Protein backbone atom coordinates (compact mmCIF):
# COMPACT_ATOMS: atom_id res chain seq x y z
CA MET A 1 -28.80 43.61 37.27
CA THR A 2 -29.50 46.90 35.53
CA SER A 3 -29.09 47.51 31.82
CA GLN A 4 -26.12 49.72 32.68
CA ASP A 5 -24.51 46.85 34.62
CA THR A 6 -25.08 44.55 31.64
CA THR A 7 -23.40 47.04 29.34
CA VAL A 8 -20.39 47.26 31.63
CA GLU A 9 -20.19 43.45 31.85
CA LEU A 10 -20.40 43.01 28.08
CA THR A 11 -17.80 45.69 27.60
CA ALA A 12 -15.45 43.89 30.00
CA GLU A 13 -15.97 40.60 28.15
CA THR A 14 -15.32 42.26 24.84
CA GLN A 15 -12.18 43.88 26.22
CA THR A 16 -10.92 40.51 27.47
CA ALA A 17 -11.59 38.93 24.08
CA LEU A 18 -9.73 41.73 22.33
CA GLU A 19 -6.77 41.35 24.68
CA ARG A 20 -6.62 37.61 24.04
CA ALA A 21 -6.82 38.11 20.30
CA GLU A 22 -3.98 40.64 20.48
CA ALA A 23 -1.85 38.27 22.56
CA SER A 24 -2.59 35.45 20.13
CA HIS A 25 -1.45 37.60 17.24
CA ARG A 26 1.77 38.55 19.03
CA HIS A 27 2.59 35.01 20.14
CA GLU A 28 1.89 33.44 16.76
CA ALA A 29 5.34 34.60 15.67
CA LEU A 30 6.92 32.67 18.57
CA PHE A 31 5.85 29.24 17.33
CA SER A 32 8.65 27.09 15.97
CA ASP A 33 8.52 25.77 12.44
CA ARG A 34 8.03 22.35 14.02
CA ALA A 35 4.88 23.46 15.84
CA HIS A 36 3.11 24.11 12.56
CA ASN A 37 3.57 20.43 11.66
CA ILE A 38 1.88 19.18 14.83
CA LYS A 39 -1.55 17.89 13.91
CA GLN A 40 -4.50 16.74 15.94
CA SER A 41 -5.04 13.03 15.57
CA ALA A 42 -8.07 12.00 13.55
CA VAL A 43 -8.32 8.93 15.77
CA ARG A 44 -8.56 11.07 18.89
CA ASP A 45 -11.20 13.27 17.25
CA VAL A 46 -13.36 10.26 16.45
CA PHE A 47 -12.67 8.73 19.85
CA ASP A 48 -14.20 11.78 21.52
CA ILE A 49 -17.27 11.37 19.31
CA SER A 50 -17.51 7.63 19.88
CA ILE A 51 -18.25 7.94 23.60
CA ARG A 52 -21.62 9.51 22.88
CA PRO A 53 -24.48 7.37 24.21
CA GLY A 54 -26.11 5.13 21.63
CA LEU A 55 -23.23 5.05 19.17
CA VAL A 56 -21.52 1.77 18.31
CA SER A 57 -17.82 2.49 18.06
CA LEU A 58 -15.86 0.47 15.53
CA ALA A 59 -13.24 3.21 15.65
CA GLY A 60 -10.88 2.94 18.61
CA GLY A 61 -8.35 0.14 18.92
CA SER A 62 -9.06 -0.40 22.59
CA PRO A 63 -7.99 -3.66 24.22
CA SER A 64 -10.56 -5.80 25.96
CA LEU A 65 -10.07 -5.75 29.73
CA SER A 66 -12.98 -8.10 30.41
CA LYS A 67 -10.72 -10.91 31.66
CA LEU A 68 -8.45 -8.68 33.70
CA PRO A 69 -8.89 -9.54 37.42
CA LEU A 70 -9.45 -6.07 38.80
CA ASP A 71 -9.55 -7.36 42.38
CA LEU A 72 -6.03 -8.73 41.96
CA VAL A 73 -4.88 -5.51 40.31
CA GLY A 74 -6.31 -3.58 43.26
CA ASP A 75 -4.66 -5.88 45.80
CA THR A 76 -1.37 -5.55 43.94
CA ALA A 77 -1.58 -1.75 43.94
CA LYS A 78 -2.38 -1.77 47.66
CA ARG A 79 0.57 -4.03 48.41
CA VAL A 80 2.94 -1.91 46.32
CA ILE A 81 1.95 1.21 48.25
CA GLU A 82 2.08 -0.49 51.65
CA GLU A 83 5.38 -2.31 51.13
CA HIS A 84 7.21 -0.04 48.68
CA GLY A 85 5.43 3.28 49.03
CA MET A 86 8.50 5.43 49.64
CA THR A 87 10.04 4.04 46.46
CA ALA A 88 6.88 3.85 44.37
CA LEU A 89 5.93 7.47 45.02
CA HIS A 90 9.38 8.91 44.42
CA TYR A 91 11.66 9.60 41.44
CA GLY A 92 13.27 6.61 39.80
CA GLY A 93 15.97 5.85 37.30
CA GLY A 94 15.67 7.27 33.81
CA LYS A 95 15.89 3.92 32.02
CA GLY A 96 13.33 2.14 34.22
CA THR A 97 13.64 -0.30 37.09
CA GLU A 98 15.93 -3.30 36.73
CA GLU A 99 13.08 -5.65 37.66
CA LEU A 100 10.74 -4.33 34.96
CA ARG A 101 13.45 -4.45 32.32
CA GLN A 102 14.12 -8.08 33.24
CA LEU A 103 10.40 -8.82 32.91
CA ILE A 104 10.34 -7.12 29.51
CA CYS A 105 13.16 -9.39 28.33
CA GLU A 106 11.13 -12.43 29.44
CA ILE A 107 8.11 -11.16 27.51
CA MET A 108 10.18 -10.58 24.38
CA ALA A 109 11.60 -14.09 24.70
CA GLU A 110 8.05 -15.43 24.32
CA GLU A 111 8.01 -13.81 20.87
CA GLY A 112 11.39 -15.16 19.84
CA ILE A 113 13.79 -12.37 20.89
CA LEU A 114 16.22 -14.48 22.89
CA GLY A 115 19.18 -13.28 24.88
CA ALA A 116 18.14 -9.63 25.12
CA SER A 117 19.80 -7.78 27.98
CA PRO A 118 17.93 -5.53 30.43
CA ASP A 119 20.87 -3.16 29.95
CA ASP A 120 19.66 -2.48 26.38
CA VAL A 121 16.05 -1.70 27.37
CA VAL A 122 14.66 1.80 27.90
CA VAL A 123 11.25 1.97 29.59
CA THR A 124 9.06 4.58 27.91
CA THR A 125 5.70 6.25 28.43
CA GLY A 126 3.91 3.97 26.00
CA SER A 127 5.55 2.83 22.78
CA GLN A 128 4.65 6.04 20.94
CA SER A 129 7.16 7.96 23.03
CA ALA A 130 9.82 5.59 21.70
CA GLN A 131 8.87 6.68 18.18
CA ASP A 132 9.21 10.30 19.25
CA ILE A 133 12.62 9.66 20.78
CA ALA A 134 13.82 7.86 17.64
CA ALA A 135 12.72 10.75 15.41
CA LYS A 136 14.41 13.25 17.72
CA VAL A 137 17.69 11.34 17.91
CA PHE A 138 18.08 10.31 14.28
CA CYS A 139 16.17 12.75 12.06
CA ASN A 140 17.01 16.24 10.86
CA PRO A 141 14.41 18.34 9.04
CA GLY A 142 14.14 17.07 5.48
CA ASP A 143 15.36 13.55 6.24
CA VAL A 144 13.19 10.70 4.99
CA VAL A 145 11.33 8.13 7.08
CA LEU A 146 9.85 5.22 5.13
CA VAL A 147 6.54 3.80 6.34
CA GLU A 148 4.13 1.10 5.28
CA ASP A 149 1.12 2.27 3.31
CA PRO A 150 -1.08 2.44 5.34
CA THR A 151 0.47 2.98 8.78
CA TYR A 152 -0.29 4.11 12.32
CA VAL A 153 -1.60 7.68 12.42
CA GLY A 154 0.21 8.44 15.70
CA ALA A 155 3.55 7.66 14.09
CA LEU A 156 2.73 9.89 11.13
CA ASN A 157 1.92 12.76 13.49
CA THR A 158 5.16 12.19 15.39
CA PHE A 159 7.41 12.09 12.34
CA GLU A 160 5.76 15.06 10.65
CA ALA A 161 6.20 17.12 13.81
CA TYR A 162 9.95 16.67 13.41
CA GLN A 163 9.72 18.02 9.86
CA VAL A 164 10.78 14.81 8.18
CA GLN A 165 9.63 13.67 4.76
CA VAL A 166 7.43 10.63 5.30
CA GLU A 167 7.36 8.32 2.28
CA PRO A 168 4.98 5.36 1.99
CA VAL A 169 5.92 1.95 0.60
CA PHE A 170 3.28 -0.34 -0.89
CA MET A 171 2.14 -3.53 0.80
CA ASP A 172 0.23 -6.54 -0.43
CA ASP A 173 -1.50 -9.26 1.58
CA ASP A 174 1.91 -10.45 2.81
CA GLY A 175 3.07 -7.03 4.02
CA LEU A 176 5.88 -4.86 2.73
CA ILE A 177 6.97 -5.87 -0.76
CA PRO A 178 10.79 -6.15 -0.86
CA GLU A 179 10.98 -5.11 -4.52
CA GLU A 180 8.82 -2.06 -3.83
CA LEU A 181 11.06 -1.14 -0.90
CA GLU A 182 14.18 -1.40 -3.05
CA ALA A 183 12.61 0.67 -5.82
CA ARG A 184 11.45 3.35 -3.40
CA ILE A 185 14.89 3.61 -1.82
CA ALA A 186 16.57 3.85 -5.23
CA GLU A 187 14.16 6.57 -6.30
CA LEU A 188 14.69 8.66 -3.17
CA GLU A 189 18.45 8.20 -3.14
CA GLY A 190 18.47 9.23 -6.80
CA GLN A 191 16.84 12.49 -5.70
CA GLY A 192 19.63 13.05 -3.18
CA LYS A 193 17.43 12.26 -0.19
CA ARG A 194 18.84 10.90 3.05
CA ILE A 195 16.75 8.02 4.38
CA LYS A 196 17.14 7.49 8.13
CA LEU A 197 14.44 5.07 9.26
CA LEU A 198 12.00 2.43 8.12
CA TYR A 199 9.06 2.45 10.52
CA THR A 200 7.16 -0.83 10.36
CA ILE A 201 4.39 -2.63 12.24
CA PRO A 202 5.16 -6.10 10.88
CA SER A 203 2.58 -8.06 12.86
CA PHE A 204 -1.08 -7.07 12.40
CA ASN A 205 -0.37 -3.64 10.98
CA ASN A 206 -2.44 -0.78 12.32
CA PRO A 207 -4.74 -0.07 10.46
CA SER A 208 -4.74 -2.90 7.91
CA GLY A 209 -4.32 -5.99 10.09
CA ILE A 210 -1.79 -7.28 7.53
CA THR A 211 1.21 -9.29 8.75
CA LEU A 212 4.62 -9.24 7.09
CA ALA A 213 5.25 -12.79 5.89
CA ALA A 214 7.98 -14.67 7.74
CA GLU A 215 9.89 -15.35 4.53
CA ARG A 216 10.09 -11.61 3.75
CA ARG A 217 11.32 -10.42 7.11
CA GLN A 218 15.04 -10.97 6.81
CA ARG A 219 14.99 -9.68 3.25
CA ILE A 220 13.52 -6.38 4.47
CA VAL A 221 16.25 -6.07 7.10
CA ASP A 222 18.97 -6.89 4.58
CA ILE A 223 17.74 -4.23 2.15
CA CYS A 224 17.75 -1.60 4.87
CA ARG A 225 21.17 -2.66 6.13
CA ASP A 226 22.60 -2.39 2.62
CA HIS A 227 21.44 1.24 2.50
CA ASN A 228 22.31 2.08 6.14
CA ILE A 229 18.66 2.57 7.09
CA LEU A 230 17.75 1.84 10.71
CA ILE A 231 14.55 -0.14 11.29
CA LEU A 232 12.06 1.01 13.91
CA GLU A 233 9.96 -2.08 14.61
CA ASP A 234 6.68 -1.33 16.40
CA ASN A 235 5.19 -4.58 17.68
CA PRO A 236 2.40 -3.94 20.20
CA TYR A 237 0.20 -6.72 18.77
CA GLY A 238 2.82 -9.42 18.25
CA MET A 239 1.66 -11.52 21.23
CA LEU A 240 -1.94 -11.39 20.01
CA ARG A 241 -1.75 -13.84 17.13
CA PHE A 242 -4.97 -15.83 17.39
CA ASP A 243 -3.24 -19.24 17.23
CA GLY A 244 -0.85 -18.29 20.02
CA HIS A 245 2.28 -18.63 17.87
CA PRO A 246 3.76 -15.18 17.17
CA ILE A 247 5.97 -14.70 14.14
CA THR A 248 9.56 -13.99 15.12
CA PRO A 249 10.19 -10.22 15.16
CA LEU A 250 12.71 -8.56 12.88
CA ARG A 251 14.83 -7.70 15.91
CA ALA A 252 15.40 -11.33 16.91
CA ASP A 253 18.28 -12.03 14.51
CA ASN A 254 19.30 -8.43 13.89
CA PRO A 255 20.31 -6.82 17.20
CA ASP A 256 22.47 -4.13 15.57
CA ASP A 257 20.02 -2.90 12.95
CA VAL A 258 16.58 -2.80 14.63
CA ILE A 259 15.12 -0.70 17.43
CA TYR A 260 12.27 -2.77 18.82
CA CYS A 261 9.25 -1.05 20.43
CA GLY A 262 6.88 -2.93 22.72
CA SER A 263 3.97 -1.95 24.94
CA PHE A 264 1.99 -3.07 27.96
CA SER A 265 -1.07 -1.27 26.56
CA LYS A 266 -2.28 -4.24 24.52
CA ILE A 267 -1.15 -7.11 26.76
CA PHE A 268 -2.13 -5.58 30.13
CA SER A 269 -3.60 -2.08 30.33
CA PRO A 270 -3.23 1.14 28.32
CA GLY A 271 -3.85 3.09 31.50
CA VAL A 272 -0.43 2.26 32.98
CA ARG A 273 1.19 4.11 30.02
CA LEU A 274 4.25 1.87 29.89
CA GLY A 275 6.15 0.74 26.84
CA TRP A 276 9.74 0.01 26.02
CA ALA A 277 12.46 0.20 23.41
CA LEU A 278 15.10 -2.49 22.96
CA VAL A 279 17.94 -0.46 21.49
CA PRO A 280 21.13 -1.63 19.74
CA ARG A 281 23.89 -1.28 22.29
CA HIS A 282 25.97 1.13 20.21
CA LEU A 283 22.94 3.48 19.96
CA TYR A 284 21.73 3.08 23.51
CA ARG A 285 23.33 6.02 25.32
CA ARG A 286 21.97 8.80 23.13
CA PHE A 287 18.56 7.16 22.91
CA TYR A 288 18.38 6.82 26.70
CA LEU A 289 19.57 10.38 27.31
CA ALA A 290 16.96 11.73 24.89
CA ALA A 291 14.25 9.80 26.74
CA GLU A 292 15.46 11.05 30.11
CA ALA A 293 15.51 14.64 28.86
CA VAL A 294 11.75 14.48 28.20
CA VAL A 295 10.26 12.47 31.08
CA LEU A 296 13.17 12.46 33.57
CA CYS A 297 11.99 8.99 34.60
CA PRO A 298 9.02 6.75 33.82
CA SER A 299 6.45 6.37 36.60
CA THR A 300 7.93 4.29 39.39
CA LEU A 301 4.47 3.53 40.73
CA THR A 302 3.16 1.98 37.52
CA GLN A 303 6.44 0.14 36.94
CA LEU A 304 6.23 -1.52 40.34
CA LEU A 305 2.54 -2.28 39.84
CA VAL A 306 3.14 -3.97 36.49
CA THR A 307 6.18 -5.88 37.70
CA GLU A 308 4.46 -7.14 40.85
CA PHE A 309 1.28 -8.06 38.98
CA PHE A 310 3.09 -10.02 36.26
CA ARG A 311 5.15 -11.86 38.88
CA GLN A 312 2.05 -12.91 40.82
CA PHE A 313 -0.36 -13.51 37.94
CA ASP A 314 -0.43 -16.17 35.22
CA TRP A 315 -0.13 -13.62 32.44
CA ARG A 316 0.45 -16.23 29.77
CA SER A 317 -2.96 -17.78 30.45
CA TYR A 318 -4.47 -14.30 30.52
CA LEU A 319 -3.05 -13.57 27.08
CA ALA A 320 -4.45 -16.86 25.82
CA GLU A 321 -7.91 -15.80 27.04
CA SER A 322 -7.48 -12.40 25.43
CA ARG A 323 -6.49 -13.96 22.11
CA ALA A 324 -9.61 -16.11 22.20
CA ILE A 325 -11.75 -13.01 22.75
CA TYR A 326 -10.14 -11.16 19.86
CA ALA A 327 -10.44 -14.17 17.57
CA GLU A 328 -14.16 -14.42 18.35
CA ARG A 329 -14.69 -10.71 17.74
CA CYS A 330 -12.71 -10.74 14.51
CA ALA A 331 -14.79 -13.67 13.27
CA ALA A 332 -17.95 -11.78 14.18
CA MET A 333 -16.83 -8.76 12.18
CA LEU A 334 -15.86 -10.79 9.13
CA GLN A 335 -19.19 -12.62 9.28
CA ALA A 336 -21.14 -9.36 9.56
CA LEU A 337 -19.23 -7.77 6.70
CA GLY A 338 -20.01 -10.76 4.50
CA GLU A 339 -23.67 -10.59 5.46
CA TYR A 340 -24.30 -6.85 5.15
CA PHE A 341 -21.68 -5.12 2.98
CA PRO A 342 -22.07 -4.79 -0.79
CA ALA A 343 -20.14 -7.13 -3.08
CA GLU A 344 -17.99 -4.22 -4.31
CA ALA A 345 -16.37 -3.85 -0.88
CA GLN A 346 -13.24 -5.83 0.01
CA TRP A 347 -11.54 -6.33 3.36
CA THR A 348 -8.52 -7.95 4.98
CA THR A 349 -8.70 -11.16 6.99
CA PRO A 350 -6.25 -10.72 9.89
CA ASP A 351 -4.98 -13.60 11.99
CA GLY A 352 -4.35 -11.42 15.02
CA GLY A 353 -4.40 -7.86 16.32
CA PHE A 354 -7.34 -5.46 16.47
CA PHE A 355 -8.31 -4.25 12.98
CA VAL A 356 -9.97 -4.99 9.65
CA TRP A 357 -9.20 -2.74 6.65
CA VAL A 358 -12.03 -2.17 4.21
CA THR A 359 -11.47 -1.04 0.62
CA LEU A 360 -14.29 0.51 -1.42
CA PRO A 361 -14.24 1.24 -5.17
CA GLU A 362 -11.96 4.01 -6.42
CA GLY A 363 -13.66 7.40 -6.44
CA ILE A 364 -15.31 7.06 -3.03
CA ASP A 365 -14.05 9.34 -0.26
CA THR A 366 -14.74 7.69 3.08
CA TYR A 367 -14.21 10.86 5.13
CA PRO A 368 -17.66 12.38 4.33
CA LEU A 369 -19.17 8.96 4.98
CA LEU A 370 -18.08 9.25 8.61
CA TYR A 371 -20.68 11.93 9.31
CA GLN A 372 -23.38 9.87 7.64
CA ALA A 373 -22.32 6.90 9.73
CA ILE A 374 -22.54 8.94 12.93
CA ASP A 375 -26.10 9.86 11.98
CA ALA A 376 -26.73 6.13 11.52
CA GLY A 377 -25.33 5.39 14.98
CA VAL A 378 -21.88 3.97 14.23
CA VAL A 379 -18.31 5.30 14.09
CA PHE A 380 -15.23 4.25 12.08
CA ILE A 381 -11.89 5.82 11.08
CA PRO A 382 -11.54 7.07 7.48
CA GLY A 383 -8.56 5.69 5.62
CA ALA A 384 -7.01 9.07 4.80
CA ALA A 385 -5.81 9.32 8.42
CA PHE A 386 -3.33 6.49 7.89
CA THR A 387 -1.25 7.76 5.00
CA PRO A 388 0.93 10.86 4.58
CA GLY A 389 -0.36 13.70 2.44
CA ASN A 390 -3.81 15.10 1.93
CA GLU A 391 -5.23 12.78 -0.70
CA THR A 392 -8.69 11.29 -0.31
CA SER A 393 -9.04 7.59 0.45
CA SER A 394 -11.59 4.94 -0.45
CA LYS A 395 -10.59 2.88 2.59
CA LEU A 396 -11.65 2.73 6.22
CA ARG A 397 -10.54 1.04 9.43
CA LEU A 398 -12.87 -1.02 11.58
CA ALA A 399 -11.75 -2.07 15.07
CA PHE A 400 -13.19 -5.21 16.64
CA SER A 401 -11.04 -5.43 19.77
CA GLY A 402 -13.10 -3.45 22.28
CA VAL A 403 -16.63 -4.35 21.14
CA SER A 404 -18.76 -7.40 21.86
CA PRO A 405 -19.80 -9.66 18.95
CA GLU A 406 -23.36 -8.41 19.32
CA GLN A 407 -22.28 -4.77 19.08
CA ILE A 408 -20.03 -5.57 16.13
CA HIS A 409 -22.94 -7.15 14.30
CA GLU A 410 -25.17 -4.16 15.03
CA GLY A 411 -22.47 -1.64 14.13
CA VAL A 412 -21.79 -3.24 10.75
CA ARG A 413 -25.54 -3.50 10.11
CA ARG A 414 -25.91 0.25 10.75
CA LEU A 415 -22.91 1.11 8.60
CA ALA A 416 -23.84 -1.07 5.63
CA PRO A 417 -26.56 1.19 4.13
CA VAL A 418 -24.14 4.16 4.21
CA ILE A 419 -21.54 2.12 2.35
CA ALA A 420 -24.06 0.70 -0.11
CA ALA A 421 -25.40 4.15 -0.96
CA ALA A 422 -21.87 5.45 -1.56
CA VAL A 423 -21.04 2.50 -3.81
CA GLU A 424 -24.24 2.99 -5.81
CA ALA A 425 -23.69 6.74 -6.20
CA ASN A 426 -20.09 6.16 -7.26
CA ALA A 427 -21.18 3.64 -9.92
CA GLN A 428 -23.47 6.24 -11.44
CA GLN A 429 -20.69 8.78 -11.87
CA PRO A 430 -19.70 9.31 -15.52
CA VAL A 431 -16.36 7.81 -16.52
CA ALA A 432 -13.76 10.53 -17.05
């Protein structure tokens, strides 16, 4: 290539870049107000980093699939295609297959939701799409959604995209504090705010691992009912209580006041992208129509695969094995934290789920520590991702679900010097 050819090529590249920049400038004005509230998930950012070779990831809440019989899954998929291929590979109903919705009711019965009807179930593309549908159906810009502090970052991103005002409510070791909820509602109503939803993860909250105490559950529902606030109960971890005895969901005794969200991601496979919403009957039609307007219909192929697999496989025993794995990994993390972390650090002690929540002394920002941790060969999620607003956080989430006990031990060992250095530097800061 001659120098003249190079000049022509560079000129063409520059021209293309200029044209794209001009188009970007023109199209910026076309974005909706809502689009400016759509944020990239901090969890996804760290997840992309965590797949680098050599890093120990204590970041992603990935389920363990080590006990999943892949040969049986493969045989099931083959049989579904061979025997039901023309159905499996075609469009289906917008609310999901009757057989899967019946199975979902059986699963919910294991948790204590008895008598649920398949006619009140909407199959969704993972449980997060149910959160999106709820925000779309019930929330206008400026409406308030109450959340636990901290809460799931994906839900925060969803609600903020719909231009709602997300307001946190304090928790203690027993979950949402009823008196705090009442005070927060009174404060917001006094400001003329309209509160539409309480979004809660009552069992093994993501990220804290905290469980709402059984004796508080009905009180929380009663408070919300008194103020005409609908509860959006997200319960993907409810079946993963280490002792095998899940606490009864809020929805069980409150069919008219709770939308219940479940998921196959944690009890089977996140790759099938199937969840569900159990919707109060008087709210069902608009919820279902909103879901259908987005996805038309959930994947018939994955619905048939999941239904057939659960019918042929002893899924209850599989869940018992999974719980044992998570209990072992949680114990390994708690042991490693006690061995390596400085005395100034505190953490939760979950009895199920995927996460441990670490609190460092006030004044420490865990976000910059992430980059130091990556240099040390370990990844976590900074606490600021799990609360609305832009304030710094002295907390961090550690996930034990997808990592072996040996990797957990090594990951905490690598992280500990970063934490200890931050605690020491913070202690040397002058008191304001």
